[in-house]
Amino acid sequence: NPDWSGKNSDPASSSAPYKLYNIGNGNPVHLMDFIKA
């Protein structure tokens, strides 16, 4: 990440070739609704 700085660091990227991503539906479901399905 060319904009990465150790003074205000982003945990998901780096000055190194390093990345983190979430893979989720982005839509939390109540457990009782999941059971109902």
Full PDB file with SEQRES, HELIX, SHEET, SSBOND, CRYST1, ORIGX, SCALE, CONECT and MASTER records, all heavy atoms in Angstrom:
SEQRES   1 A   37  ASN PRO ASP TRP SER GLY LYS ASN SER ASP PRO ALA SER          
SEQRES   2 A   37  SER SER ALA PRO TYR LYS LEU TYR ASN ILE GLY ASN GLY          
SEQRES   3 A   37  ASN PRO VAL HIS LEU MET ASP PHE ILE LYS ALA                  
HELIX    1 AA1 LEU A   31  LYS A   36  1                                   6    
CRYST1    1.000    1.000    1.000  90.00  90.00  90.00 P 1           1          
ORIGX1      1.000000  0.000000  0.000000        0.00000                         
ORIGX2      0.000000  1.000000  0.000000        0.00000                         
ORIGX3      0.000000  0.000000  1.000000        0.00000                         
SCALE1      1.000000  0.000000  0.000000        0.00000                         
SCALE2      0.000000  1.000000  0.000000        0.00000                         
SCALE3      0.000000  0.000000  1.000000        0.00000                         
ATOM      1  N   ASN A   1       0.861  -1.187   0.000  1.00  0.00           N  
ATOM      2  CA  ASN A   1       0.000   0.000   0.000  1.00  0.00           C  
ATOM      3  C   ASN A   1       0.898   1.238   0.000  1.00  0.00           C  
ATOM      4  O   ASN A   1       1.554   1.518   1.001  1.00  0.00           O  
ATOM      5  CB  ASN A   1      -0.899  -0.026   1.234  1.00  0.00           C  
ATOM      6  CG  ASN A   1      -1.772   1.212   1.343  1.00  0.00           C  
ATOM      7  OD1 ASN A   1      -1.721   2.108   0.505  1.00  0.00           O  
ATOM      8  ND2 ASN A   1      -2.572   1.272   2.400  1.00  0.00           N  
ATOM      9  N   PRO A   2       0.941   2.004  -1.107  1.00  0.00           N  
ATOM     10  CA  PRO A   2       1.857   3.151  -1.193  1.00  0.00           C  
ATOM     11  C   PRO A   2       1.533   4.251  -0.184  1.00  0.00           C  
ATOM     12  O   PRO A   2       2.396   5.070   0.134  1.00  0.00           O  
ATOM     13  CB  PRO A   2       1.681   3.646  -2.636  1.00  0.00           C  
ATOM     14  CG  PRO A   2       0.355   3.109  -3.085  1.00  0.00           C  
ATOM     15  CD  PRO A   2       0.136   1.838  -2.338  1.00  0.00           C  
ATOM     16  N   ASP A   3       0.293   4.264   0.319  1.00  0.00           N  
ATOM     17  CA  ASP A   3      -0.116   5.304   1.271  1.00  0.00           C  
ATOM     18  C   ASP A   3       0.025   4.869   2.726  1.00  0.00           C  
ATOM     19  O   ASP A   3      -0.332   5.620   3.639  1.00  0.00           O  
ATOM     20  CB  ASP A   3      -1.582   5.697   1.017  1.00  0.00           C  
ATOM     21  CG  ASP A   3      -1.786   6.223  -0.399  1.00  0.00           C  
ATOM     22  OD1 ASP A   3      -0.890   6.953  -0.881  1.00  0.00           O  
ATOM     23  OD2 ASP A   3      -2.806   5.875  -1.016  1.00  0.00           O  
ATOM     24  N   TRP A   4       0.533   3.662   2.935  1.00  0.00           N  
ATOM     25  CA  TRP A   4       0.597   3.135   4.303  1.00  0.00           C  
ATOM     26  C   TRP A   4       1.642   3.895   5.119  1.00  0.00           C  
ATOM     27  O   TRP A   4       2.724   4.216   4.635  1.00  0.00           O  
ATOM     28  CB  TRP A   4       0.948   1.652   4.288  1.00  0.00           C  
ATOM     29  CG  TRP A   4       0.711   0.952   5.597  1.00  0.00           C  
ATOM     30  CD1 TRP A   4      -0.435   0.368   6.002  1.00  0.00           C  
ATOM     31  CD2 TRP A   4       1.656   0.781   6.658  1.00  0.00           C  
ATOM     32  NE1 TRP A   4      -0.276  -0.174   7.264  1.00  0.00           N  
ATOM     33  CE2 TRP A   4       1.001   0.068   7.692  1.00  0.00           C  
ATOM     34  CE3 TRP A   4       2.984   1.156   6.843  1.00  0.00           C  
ATOM     35  CZ2 TRP A   4       1.618  -0.274   8.890  1.00  0.00           C  
ATOM     36  CZ3 TRP A   4       3.612   0.827   8.036  1.00  0.00           C  
ATOM     37  CH2 TRP A   4       2.923   0.116   9.044  1.00  0.00           C  
ATOM     38  N   SER A   5       1.306   4.166   6.370  1.00  0.00           N  
ATOM     39  CA  SER A   5       2.229   4.876   7.255  1.00  0.00           C  
ATOM     40  C   SER A   5       2.226   4.227   8.626  1.00  0.00           C  
ATOM     41  O   SER A   5       1.170   3.895   9.171  1.00  0.00           O  
ATOM     42  CB  SER A   5       1.801   6.343   7.393  1.00  0.00           C  
ATOM     43  OG  SER A   5       2.452   6.943   8.495  1.00  0.00           O  
ATOM     44  N   GLY A   6       3.407   4.051   9.185  1.00  0.00           N  
ATOM     45  CA  GLY A   6       3.545   3.508  10.529  1.00  0.00           C  
ATOM     46  C   GLY A   6       3.063   4.460  11.608  1.00  0.00           C  
ATOM     47  O   GLY A   6       2.882   4.063  12.760  1.00  0.00           O  
ATOM     48  N   LYS A   7       2.821   5.713  11.237  1.00  0.00           N  
ATOM     49  CA  LYS A   7       2.329   6.697  12.220  1.00  0.00           C  
ATOM     50  C   LYS A   7       0.818   6.579  12.418  1.00  0.00           C  
ATOM     51  O   LYS A   7       0.297   6.909  13.479  1.00  0.00           O  
ATOM     52  CB  LYS A   7       2.682   8.118  11.767  1.00  0.00           C  
ATOM     53  CG  LYS A   7       4.178   8.413  11.852  1.00  0.00           C  
ATOM     54  CD  LYS A   7       4.482   9.823  11.389  1.00  0.00           C  
ATOM     55  CE  LYS A   7       5.985  10.092  11.487  1.00  0.00           C  
ATOM     56  NZ  LYS A   7       6.318  11.426  10.951  1.00  0.00           N  
ATOM     57  N   ASN A   8       0.139   6.155  11.365  1.00  0.00           N  
ATOM     58  CA  ASN A   8      -1.316   5.993  11.444  1.00  0.00           C  
ATOM     59  C   ASN A   8      -1.657   4.721  10.674  1.00  0.00           C  
ATOM     60  O   ASN A   8      -2.222   4.764   9.586  1.00  0.00           O  
ATOM     61  CB  ASN A   8      -2.019   7.214  10.855  1.00  0.00           C  
ATOM     62  CG  ASN A   8      -3.523   7.149  11.035  1.00  0.00           C  
ATOM     63  OD1 ASN A   8      -4.017   6.422  11.900  1.00  0.00           O  
ATOM     64  ND2 ASN A   8      -4.246   7.887  10.209  1.00  0.00           N  
ATOM     65  N   SER A   9      -1.270   3.594  11.243  1.00  0.00           N  
ATOM     66  CA  SER A   9      -1.215   2.359  10.458  1.00  0.00           C  
ATOM     67  C   SER A   9      -2.574   1.689  10.283  1.00  0.00           C  
ATOM     68  O   SER A   9      -3.384   1.641  11.206  1.00  0.00           O  
ATOM     69  CB  SER A   9      -0.233   1.376  11.108  1.00  0.00           C  
ATOM     70  OG  SER A   9      -0.589   1.135  12.449  1.00  0.00           O  
ATOM     71  N   ASP A  10      -2.778   1.164   9.083  1.00  0.00           N  
ATOM     72  CA  ASP A  10      -3.966   0.381   8.751  1.00  0.00           C  
ATOM     73  C   ASP A  10      -3.618  -1.095   8.943  1.00  0.00           C  
ATOM     74  O   ASP A  10      -2.736  -1.605   8.255  1.00  0.00           O  
ATOM     75  CB  ASP A  10      -4.350   0.651   7.296  1.00  0.00           C  
ATOM     76  CG  ASP A  10      -5.381  -0.335   6.773  1.00  0.00           C  
ATOM     77  OD1 ASP A  10      -6.120  -0.908   7.605  1.00  0.00           O  
ATOM     78  OD2 ASP A  10      -5.442  -0.539   5.545  1.00  0.00           O  
ATOM     79  N   PRO A  11      -4.290  -1.818   9.862  1.00  0.00           N  
ATOM     80  CA  PRO A  11      -3.947  -3.225  10.108  1.00  0.00           C  
ATOM     81  C   PRO A  11      -4.165  -4.145   8.907  1.00  0.00           C  
ATOM     82  O   PRO A  11      -3.607  -5.233   8.853  1.00  0.00           O  
ATOM     83  CB  PRO A  11      -4.892  -3.627  11.253  1.00  0.00           C  
ATOM     84  CG  PRO A  11      -5.371  -2.361  11.863  1.00  0.00           C  
ATOM     85  CD  PRO A  11      -5.359  -1.350  10.760  1.00  0.00           C  
ATOM     86  N   ALA A  12      -4.968  -3.711   7.928  1.00  0.00           N  
ATOM     87  CA  ALA A  12      -5.348  -4.601   6.827  1.00  0.00           C  
ATOM     88  C   ALA A  12      -4.426  -4.522   5.621  1.00  0.00           C  
ATOM     89  O   ALA A  12      -4.597  -5.259   4.653  1.00  0.00           O  
ATOM     90  CB  ALA A  12      -6.771  -4.292   6.384  1.00  0.00           C  
ATOM     91  N   SER A  13      -3.439  -3.615   5.662  1.00  0.00           N  
ATOM     92  CA  SER A  13      -2.478  -3.517   4.569  1.00  0.00           C  
ATOM     93  C   SER A  13      -1.124  -3.126   5.157  1.00  0.00           C  
ATOM     94  O   SER A  13      -0.960  -3.083   6.375  1.00  0.00           O  
ATOM     95  CB  SER A  13      -2.942  -2.503   3.522  1.00  0.00           C  
ATOM     96  OG  SER A  13      -2.960  -1.187   4.066  1.00  0.00           O  
ATOM     97  N   SER A  14      -0.155  -2.832   4.298  1.00  0.00           N  
ATOM     98  CA  SER A  14       1.199  -2.593   4.790  1.00  0.00           C  
ATOM     99  C   SER A  14       2.053  -1.979   3.690  1.00  0.00           C  
ATOM    100  O   SER A  14       1.664  -1.940   2.527  1.00  0.00           O  
ATOM    101  CB  SER A  14       1.813  -3.931   5.235  1.00  0.00           C  
ATOM    102  OG  SER A  14       3.156  -3.782   5.618  1.00  0.00           O  
ATOM    103  N   SER A  15       3.236  -1.549   4.087  1.00  0.00           N  
ATOM    104  CA  SER A  15       4.243  -1.170   3.095  1.00  0.00           C  
ATOM    105  C   SER A  15       4.811  -2.429   2.433  1.00  0.00           C  
ATOM    106  O   SER A  15       5.525  -2.350   1.442  1.00  0.00           O  
ATOM    107  CB  SER A  15       5.372  -0.380   3.771  1.00  0.00           C  
ATOM    108  OG  SER A  15       5.888  -1.116   4.863  1.00  0.00           O  
ATOM    109  N   ALA A  16       4.485  -3.593   2.988  1.00  0.00           N  
ATOM    110  CA  ALA A  16       4.839  -4.898   2.409  1.00  0.00           C  
ATOM    111  C   ALA A  16       3.657  -5.424   1.590  1.00  0.00           C  
ATOM    112  O   ALA A  16       2.535  -4.932   1.733  1.00  0.00           O  
ATOM    113  CB  ALA A  16       5.178  -5.879   3.532  1.00  0.00           C  
ATOM    114  N   PRO A  17       3.869  -6.445   0.741  1.00  0.00           N  
ATOM    115  CA  PRO A  17       2.758  -7.015  -0.048  1.00  0.00           C  
ATOM    116  C   PRO A  17       1.880  -7.917   0.833  1.00  0.00           C  
ATOM    117  O   PRO A  17       1.974  -9.151   0.803  1.00  0.00           O  
ATOM    118  CB  PRO A  17       3.468  -7.811  -1.150  1.00  0.00           C  
ATOM    119  CG  PRO A  17       4.791  -8.171  -0.552  1.00  0.00           C  
ATOM    120  CD  PRO A  17       5.165  -7.050   0.368  1.00  0.00           C  
ATOM    121  N   TYR A  18       1.021  -7.296   1.611  1.00  0.00           N  
ATOM    122  CA  TYR A  18       0.249  -7.967   2.662  1.00  0.00           C  
ATOM    123  C   TYR A  18      -1.158  -7.393   2.697  1.00  0.00           C  
ATOM    124  O   TYR A  18      -1.328  -6.170   2.705  1.00  0.00           O  
ATOM    125  CB  TYR A  18       0.941  -7.731   4.000  1.00  0.00           C  
ATOM    126  CG  TYR A  18       0.162  -8.122   5.236  1.00  0.00           C  
ATOM    127  CD1 TYR A  18       0.210  -9.420   5.720  1.00  0.00           C  
ATOM    128  CD2 TYR A  18      -0.593  -7.185   5.938  1.00  0.00           C  
ATOM    129  CE1 TYR A  18      -0.475  -9.777   6.875  1.00  0.00           C  
ATOM    130  CE2 TYR A  18      -1.291  -7.529   7.086  1.00  0.00           C  
ATOM    131  CZ  TYR A  18      -1.233  -8.832   7.554  1.00  0.00           C  
ATOM    132  OH  TYR A  18      -1.908  -9.170   8.694  1.00  0.00           O  
ATOM    133  N   LYS A  19      -2.180  -8.264   2.699  1.00  0.00           N  
ATOM    134  CA  LYS A  19      -3.570  -7.796   2.742  1.00  0.00           C  
ATOM    135  C   LYS A  19      -4.417  -8.708   3.615  1.00  0.00           C  
ATOM    136  O   LYS A  19      -4.143  -9.897   3.762  1.00  0.00           O  
ATOM    137  CB  LYS A  19      -4.181  -7.764   1.335  1.00  0.00           C  
ATOM    138  CG  LYS A  19      -3.622  -6.705   0.415  1.00  0.00           C  
ATOM    139  CD  LYS A  19      -4.015  -5.290   0.803  1.00  0.00           C  
ATOM    140  CE  LYS A  19      -5.457  -4.987   0.481  1.00  0.00           C  
ATOM    141  NZ  LYS A  19      -5.811  -3.569   0.766  1.00  0.00           N  
ATOM    142  N   LEU A  20      -5.478  -8.116   4.158  1.00  0.00           N  
ATOM    143  CA  LEU A  20      -6.515  -8.855   4.876  1.00  0.00           C  
ATOM    144  C   LEU A  20      -7.883  -8.456   4.318  1.00  0.00           C  
ATOM    145  O   LEU A  20      -8.107  -7.279   4.016  1.00  0.00           O  
ATOM    146  CB  LEU A  20      -6.487  -8.535   6.376  1.00  0.00           C  
ATOM    147  CG  LEU A  20      -5.265  -8.977   7.180  1.00  0.00           C  
ATOM    148  CD1 LEU A  20      -5.318  -8.379   8.577  1.00  0.00           C  
ATOM    149  CD2 LEU A  20      -5.185 -10.502   7.243  1.00  0.00           C  
ATOM    150  N   TYR A  21      -8.774  -9.439   4.187  1.00  0.00           N  
ATOM    151  CA  TYR A  21     -10.145  -9.167   3.754  1.00  0.00           C  
ATOM    152  C   TYR A  21     -11.128  -9.972   4.597  1.00  0.00           C  
ATOM    153  O   TYR A  21     -10.832 -11.108   4.997  1.00  0.00           O  
ATOM    154  CB  TYR A  21     -10.362  -9.565   2.289  1.00  0.00           C  
ATOM    155  CG  TYR A  21      -9.569  -8.767   1.298  1.00  0.00           C  
ATOM    156  CD1 TYR A  21      -8.383  -9.271   0.768  1.00  0.00           C  
ATOM    157  CD2 TYR A  21      -9.997  -7.502   0.877  1.00  0.00           C  
ATOM    158  CE1 TYR A  21      -7.642  -8.538  -0.152  1.00  0.00           C  
ATOM    159  CE2 TYR A  21      -9.259  -6.765  -0.038  1.00  0.00           C  
ATOM    160  CZ  TYR A  21      -8.087  -7.278  -0.544  1.00  0.00           C  
ATOM    161  OH  TYR A  21      -7.348  -6.552  -1.451  1.00  0.00           O  
ATOM    162  N   ASN A  22     -12.284  -9.392   4.848  1.00  0.00           N  
ATOM    163  CA  ASN A  22     -13.431 -10.143   5.334  1.00  0.00           C  
ATOM    164  C   ASN A  22     -14.150 -10.756   4.146  1.00  0.00           C  
ATOM    165  O   ASN A  22     -14.308 -10.098   3.116  1.00  0.00           O  
ATOM    166  CB  ASN A  22     -14.435  -9.219   6.042  1.00  0.00           C  
ATOM    167  CG  ASN A  22     -13.948  -8.714   7.387  1.00  0.00           C  
ATOM    168  OD1 ASN A  22     -13.160  -9.364   8.073  1.00  0.00           O  
ATOM    169  ND2 ASN A  22     -14.433  -7.536   7.779  1.00  0.00           N  
ATOM    170  N   ILE A  23     -14.599 -12.010   4.293  1.00  0.00           N  
ATOM    171  CA  ILE A  23     -15.574 -12.556   3.331  1.00  0.00           C  
ATOM    172  C   ILE A  23     -16.789 -12.994   4.143  1.00  0.00           C  
ATOM    173  O   ILE A  23     -16.762 -14.010   4.849  1.00  0.00           O  
ATOM    174  CB  ILE A  23     -15.022 -13.732   2.506  1.00  0.00           C  
ATOM    175  CG1 ILE A  23     -13.732 -13.349   1.776  1.00  0.00           C  
ATOM    176  CG2 ILE A  23     -16.075 -14.169   1.485  1.00  0.00           C  
ATOM    177  CD1 ILE A  23     -13.230 -14.386   0.790  1.00  0.00           C  
ATOM    178  N   GLY A  24     -17.819 -12.185   4.084  1.00  0.00           N  
ATOM    179  CA  GLY A  24     -19.065 -12.446   4.805  1.00  0.00           C  
ATOM    180  C   GLY A  24     -20.230 -11.876   4.027  1.00  0.00           C  
ATOM    181  O   GLY A  24     -20.036 -11.102   3.082  1.00  0.00           O  
ATOM    182  N   ASN A  25     -21.423 -12.238   4.420  1.00  0.00           N  
ATOM    183  CA  ASN A  25     -22.607 -11.788   3.698  1.00  0.00           C  
ATOM    184  C   ASN A  25     -22.929 -10.315   3.951  1.00  0.00           C  
ATOM    185  O   ASN A  25     -23.662  -9.693   3.203  1.00  0.00           O  
ATOM    186  CB  ASN A  25     -23.811 -12.662   4.091  1.00  0.00           C  
ATOM    187  CG  ASN A  25     -24.705 -12.981   2.914  1.00  0.00           C  
ATOM    188  OD1 ASN A  25     -24.222 -13.353   1.849  1.00  0.00           O  
ATOM    189  ND2 ASN A  25     -25.997 -12.818   3.077  1.00  0.00           N  
ATOM    190  N   GLY A  26     -22.361  -9.760   5.058  1.00  0.00           N  
ATOM    191  CA  GLY A  26     -22.640  -8.365   5.393  1.00  0.00           C  
ATOM    192  C   GLY A  26     -24.083  -8.152   5.806  1.00  0.00           C  
ATOM    193  O   GLY A  26     -24.635  -7.071   5.633  1.00  0.00           O  
ATOM    194  N   ASN A  27     -24.692  -9.211   6.368  1.00  0.00           N  
ATOM    195  CA  ASN A  27     -26.112  -9.145   6.709  1.00  0.00           C  
ATOM    196  C   ASN A  27     -26.390 -10.105   7.874  1.00  0.00           C  
ATOM    197  O   ASN A  27     -26.821 -11.236   7.657  1.00  0.00           O  
ATOM    198  CB  ASN A  27     -26.954  -9.541   5.486  1.00  0.00           C  
ATOM    199  CG  ASN A  27     -28.438  -9.454   5.758  1.00  0.00           C  
ATOM    200  OD1 ASN A  27     -28.884  -8.655   6.573  1.00  0.00           O  
ATOM    201  ND2 ASN A  27     -29.206 -10.293   5.082  1.00  0.00           N  
ATOM    202  N   PRO A  28     -26.157  -9.671   9.118  1.00  0.00           N  
ATOM    203  CA  PRO A  28     -26.331 -10.573  10.251  1.00  0.00           C  
ATOM    204  C   PRO A  28     -27.770 -11.067  10.378  1.00  0.00           C  
ATOM    205  O   PRO A  28     -28.714 -10.306  10.150  1.00  0.00           O  
ATOM    206  CB  PRO A  28     -25.968  -9.718  11.473  1.00  0.00           C  
ATOM    207  CG  PRO A  28     -25.339  -8.495  10.947  1.00  0.00           C  
ATOM    208  CD  PRO A  28     -25.762  -8.322   9.534  1.00  0.00           C  
ATOM    209  N   VAL A  29     -27.916 -12.336  10.713  1.00  0.00           N  
ATOM    210  CA  VAL A  29     -29.225 -12.971  10.837  1.00  0.00           C  
ATOM    211  C   VAL A  29     -29.407 -13.429  12.282  1.00  0.00           C  
ATOM    212  O   VAL A  29     -28.505 -14.028  12.870  1.00  0.00           O  
ATOM    213  CB  VAL A  29     -29.323 -14.187   9.879  1.00  0.00           C  
ATOM    214  CG1 VAL A  29     -30.608 -14.967  10.108  1.00  0.00           C  
ATOM    215  CG2 VAL A  29     -29.211 -13.726   8.429  1.00  0.00           C  
ATOM    216  N   HIS A  30     -30.551 -13.151  12.834  1.00  0.00           N  
ATOM    217  CA  HIS A  30     -30.860 -13.602  14.181  1.00  0.00           C  
ATOM    218  C   HIS A  30     -30.905 -15.133  14.185  1.00  0.00           C  
ATOM    219  O   HIS A  30     -31.455 -15.744  13.271  1.00  0.00           O  
ATOM    220  CB  HIS A  30     -32.212 -13.023  14.623  1.00  0.00           C  
ATOM    221  CG  HIS A  30     -32.423 -13.069  16.101  1.00  0.00           C  
ATOM    222  ND1 HIS A  30     -32.769 -14.214  16.766  1.00  0.00           N  
ATOM    223  CD2 HIS A  30     -32.316 -12.097  17.053  1.00  0.00           C  
ATOM    224  CE1 HIS A  30     -32.881 -13.956  18.065  1.00  0.00           C  
ATOM    225  NE2 HIS A  30     -32.610 -12.681  18.267  1.00  0.00           N  
ATOM    226  N   LEU A  31     -30.319 -15.744  15.207  1.00  0.00           N  
ATOM    227  CA  LEU A  31     -30.255 -17.200  15.273  1.00  0.00           C  
ATOM    228  C   LEU A  31     -31.638 -17.838  15.154  1.00  0.00           C  
ATOM    229  O   LEU A  31     -31.807 -18.861  14.483  1.00  0.00           O  
ATOM    230  CB  LEU A  31     -29.581 -17.637  16.579  1.00  0.00           C  
ATOM    231  CG  LEU A  31     -29.413 -19.143  16.789  1.00  0.00           C  
ATOM    232  CD1 LEU A  31     -28.612 -19.773  15.659  1.00  0.00           C  
ATOM    233  CD2 LEU A  31     -28.746 -19.423  18.134  1.00  0.00           C  
ATOM    234  N   MET A  32     -32.636 -17.215  15.763  1.00  0.00           N  
ATOM    235  CA  MET A  32     -33.996 -17.777  15.702  1.00  0.00           C  
ATOM    236  C   MET A  32     -34.552 -17.736  14.276  1.00  0.00           C  
ATOM    237  O   MET A  32     -35.307 -18.628  13.868  1.00  0.00           O  
ATOM    238  CB  MET A  32     -34.930 -17.031  16.661  1.00  0.00           C  
ATOM    239  CG  MET A  32     -34.511 -17.126  18.123  1.00  0.00           C  
ATOM    240  SD  MET A  32     -34.285 -18.822  18.708  1.00  0.00           S  
ATOM    241  CE  MET A  32     -35.965 -19.419  18.693  1.00  0.00           C  
ATOM    242  N   ASP A  33     -34.157 -16.733  13.490  1.00  0.00           N  
ATOM    243  CA  ASP A  33     -34.588 -16.663  12.088  1.00  0.00           C  
ATOM    244  C   ASP A  33     -33.889 -17.733  11.246  1.00  0.00           C  
ATOM    245  O   ASP A  33     -34.471 -18.276  10.301  1.00  0.00           O  
ATOM    246  CB  ASP A  33     -34.314 -15.269  11.510  1.00  0.00           C  
ATOM    247  CG  ASP A  33     -35.208 -14.202  12.126  1.00  0.00           C  
ATOM    248  OD1 ASP A  33     -36.306 -14.558  12.599  1.00  0.00           O  
ATOM    249  OD2 ASP A  33     -34.800 -13.020  12.160  1.00  0.00           O  
ATOM    250  N   PHE A  34     -32.635 -18.017  11.603  1.00  0.00           N  
ATOM    251  CA  PHE A  34     -31.881 -19.074  10.914  1.00  0.00           C  
ATOM    252  C   PHE A  34     -32.540 -20.431  11.182  1.00  0.00           C  
ATOM    253  O   PHE A  34     -32.730 -21.240  10.256  1.00  0.00           O  
ATOM    254  CB  PHE A  34     -30.440 -19.065  11.413  1.00  0.00           C  
ATOM    255  CG  PHE A  34     -29.495 -19.922  10.607  1.00  0.00           C  
ATOM    256  CD1 PHE A  34     -29.217 -19.626   9.286  1.00  0.00           C  
ATOM    257  CD2 PHE A  34     -28.864 -21.013  11.185  1.00  0.00           C  
ATOM    258  CE1 PHE A  34     -28.323 -20.399   8.543  1.00  0.00           C  
ATOM    259  CE2 PHE A  34     -27.967 -21.796  10.460  1.00  0.00           C  
ATOM    260  CZ  PHE A  34     -27.704 -21.483   9.133  1.00  0.00           C  
ATOM    261  N   ILE A  35     -32.922 -20.647  12.435  1.00  0.00           N  
ATOM    262  CA  ILE A  35     -33.617 -21.888  12.794  1.00  0.00           C  
ATOM    263  C   ILE A  35     -34.951 -21.979  12.052  1.00  0.00           C  
ATOM    264  O   ILE A  35     -35.324 -23.042  11.535  1.00  0.00           O  
ATOM    265  CB  ILE A  35     -33.821 -21.968  14.321  1.00  0.00           C  
ATOM    266  CG1 ILE A  35     -32.462 -22.123  15.020  1.00  0.00           C  
ATOM    267  CG2 ILE A  35     -34.754 -23.119  14.694  1.00  0.00           C  
ATOM    268  CD1 ILE A  35     -32.501 -21.924  16.527  1.00  0.00           C  
ATOM    269  N   LYS A  36     -35.649 -20.856  11.957  1.00  0.00           N  
ATOM    270  CA  LYS A  36     -36.937 -20.827  11.244  1.00  0.00           C  
ATOM    271  C   LYS A  36     -36.756 -21.206   9.769  1.00  0.00           C  
ATOM    272  O   LYS A  36     -37.588 -21.926   9.195  1.00  0.00           O  
ATOM    273  CB  LYS A  36     -37.559 -19.437  11.359  1.00  0.00           C  
ATOM    274  CG  LYS A  36     -38.995 -19.368  10.886  1.00  0.00           C  
ATOM    275  CD  LYS A  36     -39.614 -18.012  11.180  1.00  0.00           C  
ATOM    276  CE  LYS A  36     -41.064 -17.964  10.726  1.00  0.00           C  
ATOM    277  NZ  LYS A  36     -41.661 -16.642  10.958  1.00  0.00           N  
ATOM    278  N   ALA A  37     -35.664 -20.739   9.151  1.00  0.00           N  
ATOM    279  CA  ALA A  37     -35.395 -21.090   7.749  1.00  0.00           C  
ATOM    280  C   ALA A  37     -35.192 -22.597   7.609  1.00  0.00           C  
ATOM    281  O   ALA A  37     -35.662 -23.212   6.644  1.00  0.00           O  
ATOM    282  CB  ALA A  37     -34.156 -20.333   7.240  1.00  0.00           C  
TER     283      ALA A  37                                                      
MASTER        0    0    0    1    0    0    0    6  282    1    0    3          
END                                                                             
